[in-house]
PDB file of N, CA and C in Angstrom:
ATOM      1  N   UNK A   1       0.846  -1.181   0.000  1.00  0.00           N
ATOM      2  CA  UNK A   1       0.000   0.000   0.000  1.00  0.00           C
ATOM      3  C   UNK A   1       0.883   1.233   0.000  1.00  0.00           C
ATOM      4  N   UNK A   2       0.491   2.228  -0.758  1.00  0.00           N
ATOM      5  CA  UNK A   2       1.239   3.475  -0.777  1.00  0.00           C
ATOM      6  C   UNK A   2       0.672   4.391   0.292  1.00  0.00           C
ATOM      7  N   UNK A   3       1.169   4.217   1.492  1.00  0.00           N
ATOM      8  CA  UNK A   3       0.718   5.101   2.555  1.00  0.00           C
ATOM      9  C   UNK A   3       1.788   5.285   3.609  1.00  0.00           C
ATOM     10  N   UNK A   4       1.429   5.905   4.681  1.00  0.00           N
ATOM     11  CA  UNK A   4       2.377   6.370   5.684  1.00  0.00           C
ATOM     12  C   UNK A   4       3.222   5.263   6.296  1.00  0.00           C
ATOM     13  N   UNK A   5       2.726   4.043   6.321  1.00  0.00           N
ATOM     14  CA  UNK A   5       3.537   2.975   6.896  1.00  0.00           C
ATOM     15  C   UNK A   5       4.804   2.771   6.080  1.00  0.00           C
ATOM     16  N   UNK A   6       4.727   3.016   4.777  1.00  0.00           N
ATOM     17  CA  UNK A   6       5.931   2.977   3.968  1.00  0.00           C
ATOM     18  C   UNK A   6       6.794   4.194   4.261  1.00  0.00           C
ATOM     19  N   UNK A   7       6.166   5.327   4.479  1.00  0.00           N
ATOM     20  CA  UNK A   7       6.899   6.545   4.803  1.00  0.00           C
ATOM     21  C   UNK A   7       7.627   6.421   6.137  1.00  0.00           C
ATOM     22  N   UNK A   8       7.169   5.527   6.992  1.00  0.00           N
ATOM     23  CA  UNK A   8       7.797   5.313   8.289  1.00  0.00           C
ATOM     24  C   UNK A   8       8.987   4.368   8.166  1.00  0.00           C
ATOM     25  N   UNK A   9       9.492   4.205   6.943  1.00  0.00           N
ATOM     26  CA  UNK A   9      10.643   3.350   6.684  1.00  0.00           C
ATOM     27  C   UNK A   9      10.385   1.916   7.110  1.00  0.00           C
ATOM     28  N   UNK A  10       9.302   1.388   6.561  1.00  0.00           N
ATOM     29  CA  UNK A  10       8.978  -0.002   6.838  1.00  0.00           C
ATOM     30  C   UNK A  10      10.096  -0.897   6.362  1.00  0.00           C
ATOM     31  N   UNK A  11      10.131  -2.041   6.903  1.00  0.00           N
ATOM     32  CA  UNK A  11      11.166  -3.030   6.632  1.00  0.00           C
ATOM     33  C   UNK A  11      11.375  -3.224   5.127  1.00  0.00           C
ATOM     34  N   UNK A  12      12.598  -3.090   4.704  1.00  0.00           N
ATOM     35  CA  UNK A  12      12.961  -3.360   3.319  1.00  0.00           C
ATOM     36  C   UNK A  12      14.183  -4.267   3.338  1.00  0.00           C
ATOM     37  N   UNK A  13      13.957  -5.540   3.529  1.00  0.00           N
ATOM     38  CA  UNK A  13      15.039  -6.493   3.599  1.00  0.00           C
ATOM     39  C   UNK A  13      15.634  -6.611   4.993  1.00  0.00           C
ATOM     40  N   UNK A  14      15.008  -5.984   5.985  1.00  0.00           N
ATOM     41  CA  UNK A  14      15.536  -6.043   7.342  1.00  0.00           C
ATOM     42  C   UNK A  14      15.082  -7.334   8.027  1.00  0.00           C
ATOM     43  N   UNK A  15      15.644  -7.557   9.179  1.00  0.00           N
ATOM     44  CA  UNK A  15      15.233  -8.702   9.984  1.00  0.00           C
ATOM     45  C   UNK A  15      14.101  -8.235  10.899  1.00  0.00           C
ATOM     46  N   UNK A  16      12.873  -8.633  10.609  1.00  0.00           N
ATOM     47  CA  UNK A  16      11.748  -8.126  11.382  1.00  0.00           C
ATOM     48  C   UNK A  16      11.724  -8.657  12.800  1.00  0.00           C
ATOM     49  N   UNK A  17      12.516  -9.673  13.080  1.00  0.00           N
ATOM     50  CA  UNK A  17      12.602 -10.169  14.448  1.00  0.00           C
ATOM     51  C   UNK A  17      13.564  -9.321  15.275  1.00  0.00           C
ATOM     52  N   UNK A  18      14.244  -8.393  14.624  1.00  0.00           N
ATOM     53  CA  UNK A  18      15.214  -7.541  15.302  1.00  0.00           C
ATOM     54  C   UNK A  18      14.510  -6.625  16.296  1.00  0.00           C
ATOM     55  N   UNK A  19      14.963  -6.627  17.537  1.00  0.00           N
ATOM     56  CA  UNK A  19      14.331  -5.841  18.598  1.00  0.00           C
ATOM     57  C   UNK A  19      14.354  -4.354  18.280  1.00  0.00           C
ATOM     58  N   UNK A  20      15.488  -3.863  17.777  1.00  0.00           N
ATOM     59  CA  UNK A  20      15.600  -2.428  17.463  1.00  0.00           C
ATOM     60  C   UNK A  20      14.557  -2.024  16.428  1.00  0.00           C
ATOM     61  N   UNK A  21      14.412  -2.839  15.365  1.00  0.00           N
ATOM     62  CA  UNK A  21      13.455  -2.496  14.321  1.00  0.00           C
ATOM     63  C   UNK A  21      12.036  -2.506  14.853  1.00  0.00           C
ATOM     64  N   UNK A  22      11.693  -3.512  15.650  1.00  0.00           N
ATOM     65  CA  UNK A  22      10.334  -3.601  16.195  1.00  0.00           C
ATOM     66  C   UNK A  22      10.020  -2.419  17.100  1.00  0.00           C
ATOM     67  N   UNK A  23      10.977  -2.000  17.921  1.00  0.00           N
ATOM     68  CA  UNK A  23      10.751  -0.843  18.786  1.00  0.00           C
ATOM     69  C   UNK A  23      10.579   0.425  17.967  1.00  0.00           C
ATOM     70  N   UNK A  24      11.399   0.599  16.952  1.00  0.00           N
ATOM     71  CA  UNK A  24      11.311   1.768  16.088  1.00  0.00           C
ATOM     72  C   UNK A  24       9.979   1.789  15.339  1.00  0.00           C
ATOM     73  N   UNK A  25       9.587   0.656  14.790  1.00  0.00           N
ATOM     74  CA  UNK A  25       8.336   0.528  14.065  1.00  0.00           C
ATOM     75  C   UNK A  25       7.143   0.814  14.975  1.00  0.00           C
ATOM     76  N   UNK A  26       7.155   0.218  16.172  1.00  0.00           N
ATOM     77  CA  UNK A  26       6.042   0.406  17.103  1.00  0.00           C
ATOM     78  C   UNK A  26       5.896   1.852  17.517  1.00  0.00           C
ATOM     79  N   UNK A  27       7.014   2.526  17.721  1.00  0.00           N
ATOM     80  CA  UNK A  27       6.956   3.944  18.124  1.00  0.00           C
ATOM     81  C   UNK A  27       6.284   4.783  17.046  1.00  0.00           C
ATOM     82  N   UNK A  28       6.669   4.574  15.799  1.00  0.00           N
ATOM     83  CA  UNK A  28       6.048   5.319  14.700  1.00  0.00           C
ATOM     84  C   UNK A  28       4.574   5.021  14.571  1.00  0.00           C
ATOM     85  N   UNK A  29       4.199   3.765  14.740  1.00  0.00           N
ATOM     86  CA  UNK A  29       2.793   3.384  14.641  1.00  0.00           C
ATOM     87  C   UNK A  29       1.985   3.966  15.795  1.00  0.00           C
ATOM     88  N   UNK A  30       2.551   3.978  16.985  1.00  0.00           N
ATOM     89  CA  UNK A  30       1.861   4.572  18.130  1.00  0.00           C
ATOM     90  C   UNK A  30       1.593   6.051  17.888  1.00  0.00           C
ATOM     91  N   UNK A  31       2.569   6.747  17.308  1.00  0.00           N
ATOM     92  CA  UNK A  31       2.390   8.175  17.006  1.00  0.00           C
ATOM     93  C   UNK A  31       1.312   8.368  15.944  1.00  0.00           C
ATOM     94  N   UNK A  32       1.284   7.502  14.949  1.00  0.00           N
ATOM     95  CA  UNK A  32       0.254   7.565  13.906  1.00  0.00           C
ATOM     96  C   UNK A  32      -1.129   7.411  14.513  1.00  0.00           C
ATOM     97  N   UNK A  33      -1.296   6.420  15.388  1.00  0.00           N
ATOM     98  CA  UNK A  33      -2.593   6.189  15.999  1.00  0.00           C
ATOM     99  C   UNK A  33      -2.967   7.319  16.952  1.00  0.00           C
ATOM    100  N   UNK A  34      -1.990   7.895  17.630  1.00  0.00           N
ATOM    101  CA  UNK A  34      -2.256   9.048  18.496  1.00  0.00           C
ATOM    102  C   UNK A  34      -2.778  10.219  17.677  1.00  0.00           C
ATOM    103  N   UNK A  35      -2.121  10.518  16.571  1.00  0.00           N
ATOM    104  CA  UNK A  35      -2.564  11.617  15.704  1.00  0.00           C
ATOM    105  C   UNK A  35      -3.978  11.350  15.203  1.00  0.00           C
ATOM    106  N   UNK A  36      -4.253  10.117  14.804  1.00  0.00           N
ATOM    107  CA  UNK A  36      -5.566   9.763  14.271  1.00  0.00           C
ATOM    108  C   UNK A  36      -6.658   9.815  15.333  1.00  0.00           C
ATOM    109  N   UNK A  37      -6.286   9.842  16.601  1.00  0.00           N
ATOM    110  CA  UNK A  37      -7.287   9.850  17.667  1.00  0.00           C
ATOM    111  C   UNK A  37      -7.942  11.216  17.857  1.00  0.00           C
ATOM    112  N   UNK A  38      -7.440  12.234  17.164  1.00  0.00           N
ATOM    113  CA  UNK A  38      -8.013  13.576  17.282  1.00  0.00           C
ATOM    114  C   UNK A  38      -8.881  13.858  16.066  1.00  0.00           C
ATOM    115  N   UNK A  39     -10.209  13.949  16.259  1.00  0.00           N
ATOM    116  CA  UNK A  39     -11.128  14.118  15.130  1.00  0.00           C
ATOM    117  C   UNK A  39     -10.814  15.317  14.245  1.00  0.00           C
ATOM    118  N   UNK A  40     -10.357  16.408  14.827  1.00  0.00           N
ATOM    119  CA  UNK A  40     -10.071  17.608  14.033  1.00  0.00           C
ATOM    120  C   UNK A  40      -8.979  17.328  13.006  1.00  0.00           C
ATOM    121  N   UNK A  41      -8.064  16.441  13.316  1.00  0.00           N
ATOM    122  CA  UNK A  41      -7.001  16.079  12.380  1.00  0.00           C
ATOM    123  C   UNK A  41      -7.495  15.005  11.420  1.00  0.00           C
ATOM    124  N   UNK A  42      -8.091  13.962  11.962  1.00  0.00           N
ATOM    125  CA  UNK A  42      -8.535  12.828  11.151  1.00  0.00           C
ATOM    126  C   UNK A  42      -9.578  13.240  10.115  1.00  0.00           C
ATOM    127  N   UNK A  43     -10.519  14.060  10.514  1.00  0.00           N
ATOM    128  CA  UNK A  43     -11.600  14.466   9.605  1.00  0.00           C
ATOM    129  C   UNK A  43     -11.101  15.251   8.406  1.00  0.00           C
ATOM    130  N   UNK A  44      -9.969  15.911   8.550  1.00  0.00           N
ATOM    131  CA  UNK A  44      -9.425  16.745   7.478  1.00  0.00           C
ATOM    132  C   UNK A  44      -8.507  15.997   6.528  1.00  0.00           C
ATOM    133  N   UNK A  45      -8.235  14.728   6.800  1.00  0.00           N
ATOM    134  CA  UNK A  45      -7.242  14.019   5.999  1.00  0.00           C
ATOM    135  C   UNK A  45      -7.732  12.643   5.566  1.00  0.00           C
ATOM    136  N   UNK A  46      -8.129  12.534   4.304  1.00  0.00           N
ATOM    137  CA  UNK A  46      -8.493  11.222   3.789  1.00  0.00           C
ATOM    138  C   UNK A  46      -7.249  10.335   3.704  1.00  0.00           C
ATOM    139  N   UNK A  47      -6.086  10.945   3.528  1.00  0.00           N
ATOM    140  CA  UNK A  47      -4.835  10.194   3.512  1.00  0.00           C
ATOM    141  C   UNK A  47      -4.639   9.456   4.833  1.00  0.00           C
ATOM    142  N   UNK A  48      -4.809  10.176   5.940  1.00  0.00           N
ATOM    143  CA  UNK A  48      -4.663   9.563   7.262  1.00  0.00           C
ATOM    144  C   UNK A  48      -5.750   8.508   7.492  1.00  0.00           C
ATOM    145  N   UNK A  49      -6.958   8.795   7.050  1.00  0.00           N
ATOM    146  CA  UNK A  49      -8.044   7.822   7.179  1.00  0.00           C
ATOM    147  C   UNK A  49      -7.705   6.521   6.455  1.00  0.00           C
ATOM    148  N   UNK A  50      -7.098   6.652   5.275  1.00  0.00           N
ATOM    149  CA  UNK A  50      -6.689   5.465   4.519  1.00  0.00           C
ATOM    150  C   UNK A  50      -5.546   4.738   5.204  1.00  0.00           C
ATOM    151  N   UNK A  51      -4.607   5.494   5.755  1.00  0.00           N
ATOM    152  CA  UNK A  51      -3.442   4.887   6.405  1.00  0.00           C
ATOM    153  C   UNK A  51      -3.847   3.991   7.568  1.00  0.00           C
ATOM    154  N   UNK A  52      -4.807   4.429   8.344  1.00  0.00           N
ATOM    155  CA  UNK A  52      -5.212   3.644   9.511  1.00  0.00           C
ATOM    156  C   UNK A  52      -6.376   2.710   9.190  1.00  0.00           C
ATOM    157  N   UNK A  53      -6.759   2.684   7.906  1.00  0.00           N
ATOM    158  CA  UNK A  53      -7.849   1.830   7.437  1.00  0.00           C
ATOM    159  C   UNK A  53      -9.104   2.040   8.279  1.00  0.00           C
ATOM    160  N   UNK A  54      -9.488   3.285   8.356  1.00  0.00           N
ATOM    161  CA  UNK A  54     -10.643   3.686   9.161  1.00  0.00           C
ATOM    162  C   UNK A  54     -11.911   2.941   8.763  1.00  0.00           C
ATOM    163  N   UNK A  55     -12.082   2.692   7.462  1.00  0.00           N
ATOM    164  CA  UNK A  55     -13.318   2.050   7.000  1.00  0.00           C
ATOM    165  C   UNK A  55     -13.440   0.602   7.460  1.00  0.00           C
ATOM    166  N   UNK A  56     -12.323  -0.009   7.890  1.00  0.00           N
ATOM    167  CA  UNK A  56     -12.342  -1.413   8.312  1.00  0.00           C
ATOM    168  C   UNK A  56     -12.356  -1.580   9.830  1.00  0.00           C
ATOM    169  N   UNK A  57     -12.268  -0.502  10.562  1.00  0.00           N
ATOM    170  CA  UNK A  57     -12.143  -0.575  12.014  1.00  0.00           C
ATOM    171  C   UNK A  57     -13.202   0.283  12.699  1.00  0.00           C
ATOM    172  N   UNK A  58     -13.330   0.134  13.994  1.00  0.00           N
ATOM    173  CA  UNK A  58     -14.328   0.850  14.785  1.00  0.00           C
ATOM    174  C   UNK A  58     -13.773   2.205  15.224  1.00  0.00           C
ATOM    175  N   UNK A  59     -14.232   3.267  14.594  1.00  0.00           N
ATOM    176  CA  UNK A  59     -13.728   4.609  14.876  1.00  0.00           C
ATOM    177  C   UNK A  59     -13.923   5.020  16.338  1.00  0.00           C
ATOM    178  N   UNK A  60     -14.879   4.404  17.021  1.00  0.00           N
ATOM    179  CA  UNK A  60     -15.098   4.741  18.426  1.00  0.00           C
ATOM    180  C   UNK A  60     -13.924   4.330  19.301  1.00  0.00           C
ATOM    181  N   UNK A  61     -13.065   3.452  18.792  1.00  0.00           N
ATOM    182  CA  UNK A  61     -11.885   3.014  19.536  1.00  0.00           C
ATOM    183  C   UNK A  61     -10.753   4.042  19.488  1.00  0.00           C
ATOM    184  N   UNK A  62     -10.786   4.942  18.528  1.00  0.00           N
ATOM    185  CA  UNK A  62      -9.657   5.852  18.316  1.00  0.00           C
ATOM    186  C   UNK A  62      -9.265   6.688  19.530  1.00  0.00           C
ATOM    187  N   UNK A  63     -10.207   7.248  20.296  1.00  0.00           N
ATOM    188  CA  UNK A  63      -9.768   8.046  21.469  1.00  0.00           C
ATOM    189  C   UNK A  63      -8.927   7.253  22.464  1.00  0.00           C
ATOM    190  N   UNK A  64      -9.070   5.939  22.485  1.00  0.00           N
ATOM    191  CA  UNK A  64      -8.265   5.121  23.391  1.00  0.00           C
ATOM    192  C   UNK A  64      -6.778   5.208  23.065  1.00  0.00           C
ATOM    193  N   UNK A  65      -6.446   5.515  21.823  1.00  0.00           N
ATOM    194  CA  UNK A  65      -5.052   5.571  21.419  1.00  0.00           C
ATOM    195  C   UNK A  65      -4.338   6.821  21.939  1.00  0.00           C
ATOM    196  N   UNK A  66      -5.059   7.690  22.626  1.00  0.00           N
ATOM    197  CA  UNK A  66      -4.377   8.814  23.283  1.00  0.00           C
ATOM    198  C   UNK A  66      -3.522   8.305  24.432  1.00  0.00           C
ATOM    199  N   UNK A  67      -3.876   7.150  24.960  1.00  0.00           N
ATOM    200  CA  UNK A  67      -2.991   6.430  25.889  1.00  0.00           C
ATOM    201  C   UNK A  67      -2.144   5.509  25.023  1.00  0.00           C
ATOM    202  N   UNK A  68      -1.271   6.105  24.252  1.00  0.00           N
ATOM    203  CA  UNK A  68      -0.607   5.449  23.135  1.00  0.00           C
ATOM    204  C   UNK A  68       0.279   4.279  23.518  1.00  0.00           C
ATOM    205  N   UNK A  69       0.612   4.128  24.765  1.00  0.00           N
ATOM    206  CA  UNK A  69       1.480   3.031  25.172  1.00  0.00           C
ATOM    207  C   UNK A  69       0.684   1.859  25.752  1.00  0.00           C
ATOM    208  N   UNK A  70      -0.629   1.925  25.672  1.00  0.00           N
ATOM    209  CA  UNK A  70      -1.482   0.923  26.307  1.00  0.00           C
ATOM    210  C   UNK A  70      -1.841  -0.266  25.413  1.00  0.00           C
ATOM    211  N   UNK A  71      -1.145  -0.426  24.283  1.00  0.00           N
ATOM    212  CA  UNK A  71      -1.517  -1.473  23.340  1.00  0.00           C
ATOM    213  C   UNK A  71      -0.313  -2.288  22.926  1.00  0.00           C
ATOM    214  N   UNK A  72      -0.589  -3.521  22.491  1.00  0.00           N
ATOM    215  CA  UNK A  72       0.435  -4.399  21.937  1.00  0.00           C
ATOM    216  C   UNK A  72       0.270  -4.431  20.419  1.00  0.00           C
ATOM    217  N   UNK A  73       1.391  -4.396  19.710  1.00  0.00           N
ATOM    218  CA  UNK A  73       1.398  -4.372  18.256  1.00  0.00           C
ATOM    219  C   UNK A  73       2.039  -5.661  17.750  1.00  0.00           C
ATOM    220  N   UNK A  74       1.382  -6.322  16.802  1.00  0.00           N
ATOM    221  CA  UNK A  74       1.887  -7.592  16.295  1.00  0.00           C
ATOM    222  C   UNK A  74       1.757  -7.636  14.777  1.00  0.00           C
ATOM    223  N   UNK A  75       2.805  -8.092  14.105  1.00  0.00           N
ATOM    224  CA  UNK A  75       2.781  -8.244  12.655  1.00  0.00           C
ATOM    225  C   UNK A  75       2.608  -9.720  12.328  1.00  0.00           C
ATOM    226  N   UNK A  76       1.560 -10.034  11.581  1.00  0.00           N
ATOM    227  CA  UNK A  76       1.299 -11.399  11.133  1.00  0.00           C
ATOM    228  C   UNK A  76       1.869 -11.546   9.730  1.00  0.00           C
ATOM    229  N   UNK A  77       2.918 -12.342   9.605  1.00  0.00           N
ATOM    230  CA  UNK A  77       3.582 -12.514   8.323  1.00  0.00           C
ATOM    231  C   UNK A  77       2.965 -13.605   7.467  1.00  0.00           C
ATOM    232  N   UNK A  78       1.968 -14.302   7.977  1.00  0.00           N
ATOM    233  CA  UNK A  78       1.402 -15.419   7.222  1.00  0.00           C
ATOM    234  C   UNK A  78       0.751 -14.961   5.920  1.00  0.00           C
ATOM    235  N   UNK A  79       0.374 -13.683   5.840  1.00  0.00           N
ATOM    236  CA  UNK A  79      -0.241 -13.148   4.623  1.00  0.00           C
ATOM    237  C   UNK A  79       0.754 -12.367   3.777  1.00  0.00           C
ATOM    238  N   UNK A  80       1.997 -12.255   4.231  1.00  0.00           N
ATOM    239  CA  UNK A  80       3.009 -11.429   3.572  1.00  0.00           C
ATOM    240  C   UNK A  80       3.440 -12.060   2.249  1.00  0.00           C
ATOM    241  N   UNK A  81       3.598 -11.209   1.228  1.00  0.00           N
ATOM    242  CA  UNK A  81       3.955 -11.703  -0.103  1.00  0.00           C
ATOM    243  C   UNK A  81       5.300 -11.191  -0.590  1.00  0.00           C
ATOM    244  N   UNK A  82       6.088 -10.536   0.261  1.00  0.00           N
ATOM    245  CA  UNK A  82       7.320  -9.926  -0.224  1.00  0.00           C
ATOM    246  C   UNK A  82       8.553 -10.282   0.610  1.00  0.00           C
ATOM    247  N   UNK A  83       8.448 -11.250   1.495  1.00  0.00           N
ATOM    248  CA  UNK A  83       9.602 -11.642   2.313  1.00  0.00           C
ATOM    249  C   UNK A  83      10.639 -12.284   1.394  1.00  0.00           C
ATOM    250  N   UNK A  84      11.925 -12.029   1.515  1.00  0.00           N
ATOM    251  CA  UNK A  84      12.589 -11.280   2.594  1.00  0.00           C
ATOM    252  C   UNK A  84      12.827  -9.821   2.253  1.00  0.00           C
ATOM    253  N   UNK A  85      12.209  -9.308   1.204  1.00  0.00           N
ATOM    254  CA  UNK A  85      12.521  -7.953   0.739  1.00  0.00           C
ATOM    255  C   UNK A  85      11.668  -6.863   1.352  1.00  0.00           C
ATOM    256  N   UNK A  86      10.739  -7.208   2.183  1.00  0.00           N
ATOM    257  CA  UNK A  86       9.899  -6.192   2.799  1.00  0.00           C
ATOM    258  C   UNK A  86       8.589  -6.779   3.283  1.00  0.00           C
ATOM    259  N   UNK A  87       7.753  -5.917   3.828  1.00  0.00           N
ATOM    260  CA  UNK A  87       6.466  -6.359   4.369  1.00  0.00           C
ATOM    261  C   UNK A  87       5.348  -5.887   3.454  1.00  0.00           C
ATOM    262  N   UNK A  88       4.997  -6.715   2.500  1.00  0.00           N
ATOM    263  CA  UNK A  88       3.903  -6.401   1.599  1.00  0.00           C
ATOM    264  C   UNK A  88       2.762  -7.356   1.899  1.00  0.00           C
ATOM    265  N   UNK A  89       1.592  -6.801   2.140  1.00  0.00           N
ATOM    266  CA  UNK A  89       0.381  -7.567   2.445  1.00  0.00           C
ATOM    267  C   UNK A  89       0.457  -8.296   3.784  1.00  0.00           C
ATOM    268  N   UNK A  90       1.320  -7.843   4.664  1.00  0.00           N
ATOM    269  CA  UNK A  90       1.326  -8.379   6.021  1.00  0.00           C
ATOM    270  C   UNK A  90       0.166  -7.739   6.779  1.00  0.00           C
ATOM    271  N   UNK A  91      -0.272  -8.386   7.832  1.00  0.00           N
ATOM    272  CA  UNK A  91      -1.372  -7.857   8.637  1.00  0.00           C
ATOM    273  C   UNK A  91      -0.836  -7.428   9.987  1.00  0.00           C
ATOM    274  N   UNK A  92      -1.167  -6.206  10.361  1.00  0.00           N
ATOM    275  CA  UNK A  92      -0.754  -5.713  11.661  1.00  0.00           C
ATOM    276  C   UNK A  92      -1.983  -5.649  12.560  1.00  0.00           C
ATOM    277  N   UNK A  93      -1.879  -6.221  13.744  1.00  0.00           N
ATOM    278  CA  UNK A  93      -2.984  -6.159  14.697  1.00  0.00           C
ATOM    279  C   UNK A  93      -2.535  -5.412  15.941  1.00  0.00           C
ATOM    280  N   UNK A  94      -3.451  -4.641  16.470  1.00  0.00           N
ATOM    281  CA  UNK A  94      -3.219  -3.918  17.716  1.00  0.00           C
ATOM    282  C   UNK A  94      -4.185  -4.506  18.740  1.00  0.00           C
ATOM    283  N   UNK A  95      -3.633  -4.949  19.856  1.00  0.00           N
ATOM    284  CA  UNK A  95      -4.438  -5.638  20.870  1.00  0.00           C
ATOM    285  C   UNK A  95      -4.422  -4.896  22.196  1.00  0.00           C
ATOM    286  N   UNK A  96      -5.483  -5.109  22.946  1.00  0.00           N
ATOM    287  CA  UNK A  96      -5.515  -4.706  24.344  1.00  0.00           C
ATOM    288  C   UNK A  96      -4.698  -5.750  25.102  1.00  0.00           C
ATOM    289  N   UNK A  97      -3.634  -5.345  25.805  1.00  0.00           N
ATOM    290  CA  UNK A  97      -2.772  -6.340  26.450  1.00  0.00           C
ATOM    291  C   UNK A  97      -3.458  -7.124  27.581  1.00  0.00           C
ATOM    292  N   UNK A  98      -4.482  -6.544  28.180  1.00  0.00           N
ATOM    293  CA  UNK A  98      -5.168  -7.239  29.280  1.00  0.00           C
ATOM    294  C   UNK A  98      -6.115  -8.307  28.760  1.00  0.00           C
ATOM    295  N   UNK A  99      -6.978  -7.931  27.839  1.00  0.00           N
ATOM    296  CA  UNK A  99      -7.982  -8.872  27.333  1.00  0.00           C
ATOM    297  C   UNK A  99      -7.482  -9.671  26.132  1.00  0.00           C
ATOM    298  N   UNK A 100      -6.395  -9.219  25.508  1.00  0.00           N
ATOM    299  CA  UNK A 100      -5.847  -9.810  24.277  1.00  0.00           C
ATOM    300  C   UNK A 100      -6.782  -9.627  23.082  1.00  0.00           C
ATOM    301  N   UNK A 101      -7.817  -8.821  23.250  1.00  0.00           N
ATOM    302  CA  UNK A 101      -8.770  -8.555  22.188  1.00  0.00           C
ATOM    303  C   UNK A 101      -8.143  -7.639  21.144  1.00  0.00           C
ATOM    304  N   UNK A 102      -8.374  -7.959  19.860  1.00  0.00           N
ATOM    305  CA  UNK A 102      -7.902  -7.097  18.779  1.00  0.00           C
ATOM    306  C   UNK A 102      -8.776  -5.855  18.747  1.00  0.00           C
ATOM    307  N   UNK A 103      -8.143  -4.682  18.786  1.00  0.00           N
ATOM    308  CA  UNK A 103      -8.900  -3.427  18.743  1.00  0.00           C
ATOM    309  C   UNK A 103      -8.718  -2.680  17.421  1.00  0.00           C
ATOM    310  N   UNK A 104      -7.695  -3.052  16.627  1.00  0.00           N
ATOM    311  CA  UNK A 104      -7.479  -2.382  15.356  1.00  0.00           C
ATOM    312  C   UNK A 104      -6.663  -3.312  14.461  1.00  0.00           C
ATOM    313  N   UNK A 105      -6.923  -3.279  13.163  1.00  0.00           N
ATOM    314  CA  UNK A 105      -6.182  -4.084  12.197  1.00  0.00           C
ATOM    315  C   UNK A 105      -5.802  -3.229  11.002  1.00  0.00           C
ATOM    316  N   UNK A 106      -4.572  -3.378  10.558  1.00  0.00           N
ATOM    317  CA  UNK A 106      -4.072  -2.660   9.389  1.00  0.00           C
ATOM    318  C   UNK A 106      -3.402  -3.645   8.444  1.00  0.00           C
ATOM    319  N   UNK A 107      -3.376  -3.306   7.170  1.00  0.00           N
ATOM    320  CA  UNK A 107      -2.572  -4.054   6.204  1.00  0.00           C
ATOM    321  C   UNK A 107      -1.327  -3.239   5.929  1.00  0.00           C
ATOM    322  N   UNK A 108      -0.211  -3.936   5.797  1.00  0.00           N
ATOM    323  CA  UNK A 108       1.042  -3.252   5.506  1.00  0.00           C
ATOM    324  C   UNK A 108       1.443  -3.586   4.083  1.00  0.00           C
TER     325      UNK A 108
END
């Protein structure tokens, strides 16, 4: 997808199991979700709406991302079509760490 996740320097031949990369990736994604949690910003940007796949997720969950460190981020590579050269068509899930419930899903 041509969107902000690529702009965040998504993996391009990197080792996705690398701790440094995962921390860097998660930080950028947390900031993206924090920005999207403010309606005044989200409503003005169809680009941002597409990046977070707003049409596929429950928009009522977005204000929760203001507590941006309260979620677990996981990349499911089972759908990925570009390994080892990058993350194309991988699925990213954001979970509530207490309930383990998925609260948001993105395609990378």
